[in-house]
C-alpha atoms as a PDB file:
ATOM      1  CA  MET A   1      -0.003  -0.006   0.002  1.00  0.00           C
ATOM      2  CA  THR A   2       1.310   3.413  -0.983  1.00  0.00           C
ATOM      3  CA  ARG A   3       2.273   5.538   1.994  1.00  0.00           C
ATOM      4  CA  THR A   4       0.220   8.721   2.270  1.00  0.00           C
ATOM      5  CA  LEU A   5       2.011  11.992   2.910  1.00  0.00           C
ATOM      6  CA  ARG A   6       0.481  15.188   4.224  1.00  0.00           C
ATOM      7  CA  PRO A   7       1.200  18.608   2.726  1.00  0.00           C
ATOM      8  CA  VAL A   8       3.176  19.398   5.874  1.00  0.00           C
ATOM      9  CA  ASP A   9       5.370  16.343   5.312  1.00  0.00           C
ATOM     10  CA  LEU A  10       6.342  17.618   1.865  1.00  0.00           C
ATOM     11  CA  ALA A  11       6.723  21.167   3.132  1.00  0.00           C
ATOM     12  CA  ARG A  12       9.147  20.101   5.847  1.00  0.00           C
ATOM     13  CA  ALA A  13      11.187  18.071   3.355  1.00  0.00           C
ATOM     14  CA  VAL A  14      12.201  21.193   1.425  1.00  0.00           C
ATOM     15  CA  GLY A  15      11.567  23.995   3.909  1.00  0.00           C
ATOM     16  CA  VAL A  16       8.538  25.702   2.370  1.00  0.00           C
ATOM     17  CA  SER A  17       4.995  26.395   3.521  1.00  0.00           C
ATOM     18  CA  THR A  18       2.109  23.985   3.065  1.00  0.00           C
ATOM     19  CA  GLN A  19       0.465  26.602   0.859  1.00  0.00           C
ATOM     20  CA  GLN A  20       3.459  26.485  -1.427  1.00  0.00           C
ATOM     21  CA  ILE A  21       3.018  22.717  -1.736  1.00  0.00           C
ATOM     22  CA  ARG A  22      -0.587  23.312  -2.811  1.00  0.00           C
ATOM     23  CA  ASN A  23       0.636  25.904  -5.287  1.00  0.00           C
ATOM     24  CA  TYR A  24       3.098  23.416  -6.734  1.00  0.00           C
ATOM     25  CA  ALA A  25       0.318  20.866  -7.117  1.00  0.00           C
ATOM     26  CA  ASP A  26      -1.958  23.366  -8.843  1.00  0.00           C
ATOM     27  CA  ALA A  27       0.852  24.490 -11.172  1.00  0.00           C
ATOM     28  CA  GLY A  28       1.596  20.965 -12.378  1.00  0.00           C
ATOM     29  CA  VAL A  29       4.989  20.812 -10.693  1.00  0.00           C
ATOM     30  CA  LEU A  30       3.717  17.748  -8.854  1.00  0.00           C
ATOM     31  CA  PRO A  31       1.914  14.856 -10.562  1.00  0.00           C
ATOM     32  CA  PRO A  32      -1.901  14.684 -10.392  1.00  0.00           C
ATOM     33  CA  THR A  33      -3.019  14.394  -6.795  1.00  0.00           C
ATOM     34  CA  PRO A  34      -5.984  12.228  -5.806  1.00  0.00           C
ATOM     35  CA  ARG A  35      -8.302  13.485  -3.088  1.00  0.00           C
ATOM     36  CA  SER A  36      -9.941  11.802  -0.136  1.00  0.00           C
ATOM     37  CA  PRO A  37     -13.747  11.643   0.148  1.00  0.00           C
ATOM     38  CA  SER A  38     -13.513  14.760   2.308  1.00  0.00           C
ATOM     39  CA  GLY A  39     -11.564  16.624  -0.406  1.00  0.00           C
ATOM     40  CA  HIS A  40      -8.070  16.502   1.101  1.00  0.00           C
ATOM     41  CA  ARG A  41      -5.146  15.928  -1.248  1.00  0.00           C
ATOM     42  CA  ARG A  42      -3.434  12.568  -0.964  1.00  0.00           C
ATOM     43  CA  PHE A  43       0.281  12.889  -1.600  1.00  0.00           C
ATOM     44  CA  GLY A  44       2.668   9.981  -1.826  1.00  0.00           C
ATOM     45  CA  PRO A  45       6.339   9.095  -2.413  1.00  0.00           C
ATOM     46  CA  ARG A  46       6.084  10.051  -6.093  1.00  0.00           C
ATOM     47  CA  HIS A  47       5.008  13.559  -5.143  1.00  0.00           C
ATOM     48  CA  ARG A  48       7.968  13.820  -2.825  1.00  0.00           C
ATOM     49  CA  ARG A  49      10.337  12.733  -5.609  1.00  0.00           C
ATOM     50  CA  ALA A  50       8.746  15.253  -7.972  1.00  0.00           C
ATOM     51  CA  LEU A  51       9.134  17.986  -5.384  1.00  0.00           C
ATOM     52  CA  LEU A  52      12.815  17.204  -4.868  1.00  0.00           C
ATOM     53  CA  ALA A  53      13.376  17.070  -8.616  1.00  0.00           C
ATOM     54  CA  TYR A  54      11.688  20.430  -9.161  1.00  0.00           C
ATOM     55  CA  ARG A  55      13.614  22.143  -6.391  1.00  0.00           C
ATOM     56  CA  ALA A  56      16.893  20.809  -7.763  1.00  0.00           C
ATOM     57  CA  LEU A  57      15.971  21.883 -11.274  1.00  0.00           C
ATOM     58  CA  ALA A  58      14.970  25.343 -10.049  1.00  0.00           C
ATOM     59  CA  ARG A  59      18.384  25.897  -8.486  1.00  0.00           C
ATOM     60  CA  GLY A  60      20.106  25.320 -11.804  1.00  0.00           C
ATOM     61  CA  TYR A  61      17.584  26.166 -14.514  1.00  0.00           C
ATOM     62  CA  GLY A  62      15.515  28.743 -12.678  1.00  0.00           C
ATOM     63  CA  PRO A  63      11.942  28.331 -11.401  1.00  0.00           C
ATOM     64  CA  VAL A  64      10.232  29.179 -14.705  1.00  0.00           C
ATOM     65  CA  ALA A  65      12.172  26.612 -16.743  1.00  0.00           C
ATOM     66  CA  ALA A  66      11.934  24.044 -13.936  1.00  0.00           C
ATOM     67  CA  GLN A  67       8.168  24.399 -13.821  1.00  0.00           C
ATOM     68  CA  ALA A  68       7.917  24.014 -17.603  1.00  0.00           C
ATOM     69  CA  ILE A  69      10.081  20.873 -17.466  1.00  0.00           C
ATOM     70  CA  MET A  70       8.004  19.260 -14.732  1.00  0.00           C
ATOM     71  CA  ARG A  71       4.715  20.164 -16.387  1.00  0.00           C
ATOM     72  CA  ALA A  72       5.896  18.580 -19.622  1.00  0.00           C
ATOM     73  CA  VAL A  73       6.870  15.416 -17.756  1.00  0.00           C
ATOM     74  CA  HIS A  74       3.494  15.193 -16.056  1.00  0.00           C
ATOM     75  CA  ALA A  75       1.736  15.815 -19.370  1.00  0.00           C
ATOM     76  CA  GLY A  76       3.508  12.717 -20.694  1.00  0.00           C
ATOM     77  CA  ASP A  77       5.749  14.708 -23.032  1.00  0.00           C
ATOM     78  CA  VAL A  78       9.201  13.684 -21.857  1.00  0.00           C
ATOM     79  CA  ALA A  79      10.698  14.684 -25.211  1.00  0.00           C
ATOM     80  CA  GLU A  80       9.569  18.276 -24.640  1.00  0.00           C
ATOM     81  CA  ALA A  81      10.971  18.229 -21.119  1.00  0.00           C
ATOM     82  CA  LEU A  82      14.355  17.091 -22.418  1.00  0.00           C
ATOM     83  CA  ALA A  83      14.236  19.717 -25.181  1.00  0.00           C
ATOM     84  CA  LEU A  84      13.784  22.375 -22.498  1.00  0.00           C
ATOM     85  CA  VAL A  85      16.797  20.969 -20.642  1.00  0.00           C
ATOM     86  CA  ASP A  86      18.867  21.049 -23.825  1.00  0.00           C
ATOM     87  CA  ALA A  87      17.797  24.632 -24.572  1.00  0.00           C
ATOM     88  CA  ALA A  88      18.929  25.776 -21.128  1.00  0.00           C
ATOM     89  CA  HIS A  89      22.335  24.155 -21.568  1.00  0.00           C
ATOM     90  CA  ALA A  90      22.692  25.730 -25.010  1.00  0.00           C
ATOM     91  CA  ALA A  91      21.845  29.135 -23.553  1.00  0.00           C
ATOM     92  CA  LEU A  92      24.464  28.680 -20.827  1.00  0.00           C
ATOM     93  CA  HIS A  93      27.064  27.700 -23.413  1.00  0.00           C
ATOM     94  CA  GLU A  94      26.243  30.821 -25.419  1.00  0.00           C
ATOM     95  CA  GLN A  95      26.674  32.939 -22.303  1.00  0.00           C
ATOM     96  CA  ARG A  96      30.130  31.421 -21.867  1.00  0.00           C
ATOM     97  CA  ARG A  97      31.024  32.218 -25.463  1.00  0.00           C
ATOM     98  CA  THR A  98      29.721  35.761 -25.121  1.00  0.00           C
ATOM     99  CA  LEU A  99      31.618  36.271 -21.862  1.00  0.00           C
ATOM    100  CA  ARG A 100      34.860  35.054 -23.418  1.00  0.00           C
ATOM    101  CA  ALA A 101      34.401  37.382 -26.382  1.00  0.00           C
ATOM    102  CA  THR A 102      33.468  40.223 -24.045  1.00  0.00           C
ATOM    103  CA  GLY A 103      36.628  39.705 -22.012  1.00  0.00           C
ATOM    104  CA  GLU A 104      38.806  39.761 -25.105  1.00  0.00           C
ATOM    105  CA  ALA A 105      37.054  42.851 -26.476  1.00  0.00           C
ATOM    106  CA  LEU A 106      37.199  44.680 -23.159  1.00  0.00           C
ATOM    107  CA  ASP A 107      40.901  43.990 -22.817  1.00  0.00           C
ATOM    108  CA  ALA A 108      41.440  45.403 -26.283  1.00  0.00           C
ATOM    109  CA  VAL A 109      39.318  48.488 -25.586  1.00  0.00           C
ATOM    110  CA  ALA A 110      41.052  49.086 -22.251  1.00  0.00           C
ATOM    111  CA  LEU A 111      44.399  49.188 -24.014  1.00  0.00           C
ATOM    112  CA  GLN A 112      43.262  52.088 -26.163  1.00  0.00           C
ATOM    113  CA  ALA A 113      44.810  55.183 -24.604  1.00  0.00           C
ATOM    114  CA  PRO A 114      42.675  58.317 -24.838  1.00  0.00           C
ATOM    115  CA  GLU A 115      43.830  60.494 -27.672  1.00  0.00           C
ATOM    116  CA  VAL A 116      44.941  64.104 -27.454  1.00  0.00           C
ATOM    117  CA  PRO A 117      41.883  66.350 -26.966  1.00  0.00           C
ATOM    118  CA  VAL A 118      40.318  67.274 -30.263  1.00  0.00           C
ATOM    119  CA  PRO A 119      38.337  70.340 -31.264  1.00  0.00           C
ATOM    120  CA  ALA A 120      34.786  70.411 -29.970  1.00  0.00           C
ATOM    121  CA  ARG A 121      33.369  70.049 -33.462  1.00  0.00           C
ATOM    122  CA  SER A 122      35.060  66.627 -33.729  1.00  0.00           C
ATOM    123  CA  GLU A 123      33.548  65.336 -30.503  1.00  0.00           C
ATOM    124  CA  LEU A 124      30.399  63.266 -30.621  1.00  0.00           C
ATOM    125  CA  ARG A 125      26.930  64.069 -29.371  1.00  0.00           C
ATOM    126  CA  ILE A 126      24.939  61.620 -27.324  1.00  0.00           C
ATOM    127  CA  GLY A 127      22.874  60.411 -30.275  1.00  0.00           C
ATOM    128  CA  GLU A 128      25.995  59.719 -32.314  1.00  0.00           C
ATOM    129  CA  VAL A 129      27.564  57.671 -29.516  1.00  0.00           C
ATOM    130  CA  ALA A 130      24.316  55.764 -29.009  1.00  0.00           C
ATOM    131  CA  ALA A 131      24.185  54.961 -32.716  1.00  0.00           C
ATOM    132  CA  ARG A 132      27.772  53.681 -32.654  1.00  0.00           C
ATOM    133  CA  LEU A 133      27.011  51.357 -29.757  1.00  0.00           C
ATOM    134  CA  GLY A 134      23.565  50.304 -30.931  1.00  0.00           C
ATOM    135  CA  VAL A 135      21.827  51.509 -27.750  1.00  0.00           C
ATOM    136  CA  ARG A 136      19.319  54.218 -26.931  1.00  0.00           C
ATOM    137  CA  SER A 137      20.431  57.648 -25.825  1.00  0.00           C
ATOM    138  CA  SER A 138      18.497  57.033 -22.615  1.00  0.00           C
ATOM    139  CA  ALA A 139      20.949  54.242 -21.741  1.00  0.00           C
ATOM    140  CA  LEU A 140      23.847  56.681 -21.888  1.00  0.00           C
ATOM    141  CA  ARG A 141      21.935  59.081 -19.632  1.00  0.00           C
ATOM    142  CA  VAL A 142      21.357  56.263 -17.123  1.00  0.00           C
ATOM    143  CA  TRP A 143      25.057  55.435 -17.155  1.00  0.00           C
ATOM    144  CA  GLU A 144      25.899  59.089 -16.630  1.00  0.00           C
ATOM    145  CA  ALA A 145      23.435  59.358 -13.732  1.00  0.00           C
ATOM    146  CA  ALA A 146      25.106  56.305 -12.163  1.00  0.00           C
ATOM    147  CA  GLY A 147      28.472  58.081 -12.314  1.00  0.00           C
ATOM    148  CA  LEU A 148      29.903  55.867 -15.049  1.00  0.00           C
ATOM    149  CA  LEU A 149      30.210  58.620 -17.666  1.00  0.00           C
ATOM    150  CA  SER A 150      31.006  62.306 -17.331  1.00  0.00           C
ATOM    151  CA  PRO A 151      30.957  63.885 -20.797  1.00  0.00           C
ATOM    152  CA  ALA A 152      31.728  67.576 -21.168  1.00  0.00           C
ATOM    153  CA  ARG A 153      28.898  70.033 -21.691  1.00  0.00           C
ATOM    154  CA  GLU A 154      28.726  72.491 -24.553  1.00  0.00           C
ATOM    155  CA  PRO A 155      28.748  76.082 -23.278  1.00  0.00           C
ATOM    156  CA  GLY A 156      25.419  77.804 -23.739  1.00  0.00           C
ATOM    157  CA  THR A 157      23.373  74.812 -24.957  1.00  0.00           C
ATOM    158  CA  GLY A 158      24.508  72.302 -22.325  1.00  0.00           C
ATOM    159  CA  HIS A 159      24.608  69.534 -24.939  1.00  0.00           C
ATOM    160  CA  ARG A 160      26.774  66.576 -24.033  1.00  0.00           C
ATOM    161  CA  ARG A 161      30.060  66.183 -25.886  1.00  0.00           C
ATOM    162  CA  PHE A 162      31.796  62.810 -25.871  1.00  0.00           C
ATOM    163  CA  GLY A 163      35.550  62.789 -26.429  1.00  0.00           C
ATOM    164  CA  PRO A 164      37.651  59.681 -27.274  1.00  0.00           C
ATOM    165  CA  ALA A 165      37.991  58.662 -23.611  1.00  0.00           C
ATOM    166  CA  ASP A 166      34.247  59.015 -23.073  1.00  0.00           C
ATOM    167  CA  VAL A 167      33.493  56.892 -26.120  1.00  0.00           C
ATOM    168  CA  ARG A 168      35.959  54.253 -24.918  1.00  0.00           C
ATOM    169  CA  ASP A 169      34.287  54.178 -21.510  1.00  0.00           C
ATOM    170  CA  ALA A 170      30.855  53.925 -23.121  1.00  0.00           C
ATOM    171  CA  GLN A 171      32.068  50.946 -25.160  1.00  0.00           C
ATOM    172  CA  MET A 172      33.326  49.221 -22.034  1.00  0.00           C
ATOM    173  CA  ILE A 173      30.089  49.864 -20.164  1.00  0.00           C
ATOM    174  CA  HIS A 174      28.038  48.532 -23.036  1.00  0.00           C
ATOM    175  CA  MET A 175      30.079  45.324 -23.297  1.00  0.00           C
ATOM    176  CA  LEU A 176      30.026  44.777 -19.541  1.00  0.00           C
ATOM    177  CA  ARG A 177      26.264  45.298 -19.464  1.00  0.00           C
ATOM    178  CA  GLN A 178      25.930  42.700 -22.221  1.00  0.00           C
ATOM    179  CA  GLY A 179      27.849  40.385 -19.901  1.00  0.00           C
ATOM    180  CA  ARG A 180      25.214  41.119 -17.204  1.00  0.00           C
ATOM    181  CA  HIS A 181      27.529  42.985 -14.880  1.00  0.00           C
ATOM    182  CA  PRO A 182      25.726  45.336 -12.456  1.00  0.00           C
ATOM    183  CA  LEU A 183      26.361  49.071 -12.614  1.00  0.00           C
ATOM    184  CA  PRO A 184      28.225  49.275  -9.256  1.00  0.00           C
ATOM    185  CA  GLN A 185      30.694  46.624 -10.427  1.00  0.00           C
ATOM    186  CA  ILE A 186      31.218  48.426 -13.721  1.00  0.00           C
ATOM    187  CA  ARG A 187      31.917  51.640 -11.856  1.00  0.00           C
ATOM    188  CA  ALA A 188      34.662  49.887  -9.851  1.00  0.00           C
ATOM    189  CA  VAL A 189      36.229  48.633 -13.084  1.00  0.00           C
ATOM    190  CA  LEU A 190      36.209  52.083 -14.687  1.00  0.00           C
ATOM    191  CA  ASP A 191      37.419  53.837 -11.530  1.00  0.00           C
ATOM    192  CA  GLU A 192      40.466  51.587 -11.301  1.00  0.00           C
ATOM    193  CA  LEU A 193      41.201  51.851 -14.992  1.00  0.00           C
ATOM    194  CA  ARG A 194      41.059  55.661 -14.847  1.00  0.00           C
ATOM    195  CA  ARG A 195      43.039  55.896 -11.625  1.00  0.00           C
ATOM    196  CA  THR A 196      45.815  53.419 -12.271  1.00  0.00           C
ATOM    197  CA  GLY A 197      45.468  52.264 -15.839  1.00  0.00           C
ATOM    198  CA  SER A 198      45.164  48.732 -14.418  1.00  0.00           C
ATOM    199  CA  ARG A 199      42.904  46.124 -15.965  1.00  0.00           C
ATOM    200  CA  GLU A 200      42.841  43.964 -12.820  1.00  0.00           C
ATOM    201  CA  ALA A 201      39.332  45.071 -11.831  1.00  0.00           C
ATOM    202  CA  LEU A 202      38.181  44.271 -15.350  1.00  0.00           C
ATOM    203  CA  ARG A 203      39.688  40.805 -15.169  1.00  0.00           C
ATOM    204  CA  ALA A 204      38.187  40.290 -11.715  1.00  0.00           C
ATOM    205  CA  ALA A 205      34.735  41.169 -13.024  1.00  0.00           C
ATOM    206  CA  ILE A 206      35.046  38.676 -15.855  1.00  0.00           C
ATOM    207  CA  ALA A 207      36.376  36.003 -13.492  1.00  0.00           C
ATOM    208  CA  GLN A 208      33.478  36.585 -11.107  1.00  0.00           C
ATOM    209  CA  ARG A 209      30.977  36.078 -13.897  1.00  0.00           C
ATOM    210  CA  GLN A 210      32.800  32.948 -15.072  1.00  0.00           C
ATOM    211  CA  ALA A 211      32.643  31.529 -11.548  1.00  0.00           C
ATOM    212  CA  ALA A 212      28.903  32.254 -11.420  1.00  0.00           C
ATOM    213  CA  LEU A 213      28.364  30.396 -14.700  1.00  0.00           C
ATOM    214  CA  ALA A 214      30.407  27.450 -13.446  1.00  0.00           C
ATOM    215  CA  GLN A 215      28.317  27.356 -10.270  1.00  0.00           C
ATOM    216  CA  ARG A 216      25.136  27.385 -12.306  1.00  0.00           C
ATOM    217  CA  ALA A 217      26.422  24.605 -14.551  1.00  0.00           C
ATOM    218  CA  THR A 218      27.065  22.472 -11.474  1.00  0.00           C
ATOM    219  CA  ALA A 219      23.544  23.176 -10.207  1.00  0.00           C
ATOM    220  CA  MET A 220      22.120  22.245 -13.619  1.00  0.00           C
ATOM    221  CA  LEU A 221      24.027  18.983 -13.530  1.00  0.00           C
ATOM    222  CA  GLU A 222      22.552  18.191 -10.123  1.00  0.00           C
ATOM    223  CA  GLY A 223      19.080  19.103 -11.357  1.00  0.00           C
ATOM    224  CA  SER A 224      19.451  16.842 -14.375  1.00  0.00           C
ATOM    225  CA  SER A 225      20.461  13.993 -12.080  1.00  0.00           C
ATOM    226  CA  HIS A 226      17.326  14.484  -9.978  1.00  0.00           C
ATOM    227  CA  LEU A 227      15.191  14.572 -13.130  1.00  0.00           C
ATOM    228  CA  HIS A 228      16.793  11.347 -14.391  1.00  0.00           C
ATOM    229  CA  HIS A 229      16.000   9.545 -11.141  1.00  0.00           C
ATOM    230  CA  TYR A 230      12.448  10.914 -11.102  1.00  0.00           C
ATOM    231  CA  LEU A 231      11.780   9.734 -14.650  1.00  0.00           C
ATOM    232  CA  HIS A 232      12.886   6.239 -13.601  1.00  0.00           C
ATOM    233  CA  GLY A 233      10.842   6.222 -10.406  1.00  0.00           C
ATOM    234  CA  GLU A 234      13.929   6.287  -8.196  1.00  0.00           C
ATOM    235  CA  ASP A 235      14.768   8.291  -5.118  1.00  0.00           C
ATOM    236  CA  PRO A 236      17.582  10.785  -5.709  1.00  0.00           C
ATOM    237  CA  PRO A 237      20.977   9.909  -4.231  1.00  0.00           C
ATOM    238  CA  GLY A 238      21.763  11.204  -0.781  1.00  0.00           C
END
């Protein structure tokens, strides 16, 4: 006879509320749940395995992807669930490729010494810099407000004027933002580069992101292991 588990039993197993267990059941994260004559849900060992699999998947793939994977499994579409897993791994690989390219590009940009000041007419306006980078002018204003850029102002009109050093900094900010680095971290990179000419902060930022991707890859591997055991009706190891 299958052992019956209460919502509180599942909740305690993963450290969530009983309401969250009900939410998981309603969302399809858990397999269909029979009810007692009085209307109470009857959970069992399979629900516990599904819960552990989902939580492990969520740590690596994120809750949205994990929910989609589990719903596909419970809909009987294992092929779709595995396709979602593959897509997440492909996306992570692309992030690695982008990060590597970003690091190489940033190193090259950082080596570009600001040129001798040029006449004001040869400096660029905000729209021209935005067009070069492929971003909106509003992004440059946000970066300026965050203290990342400090372009000169045109006397009288107050229009921003970006010299070679400003354009270089804008390029670096744009590439770091594409690598998902937060603005405070980018500011530290630029501050050190301006103060000492050192690229150590830049390298540290890239290394930190690489470590985060490696950590996520490990979590994805663990999540895949849990999913494998769940699909075969086995308890996860440990």
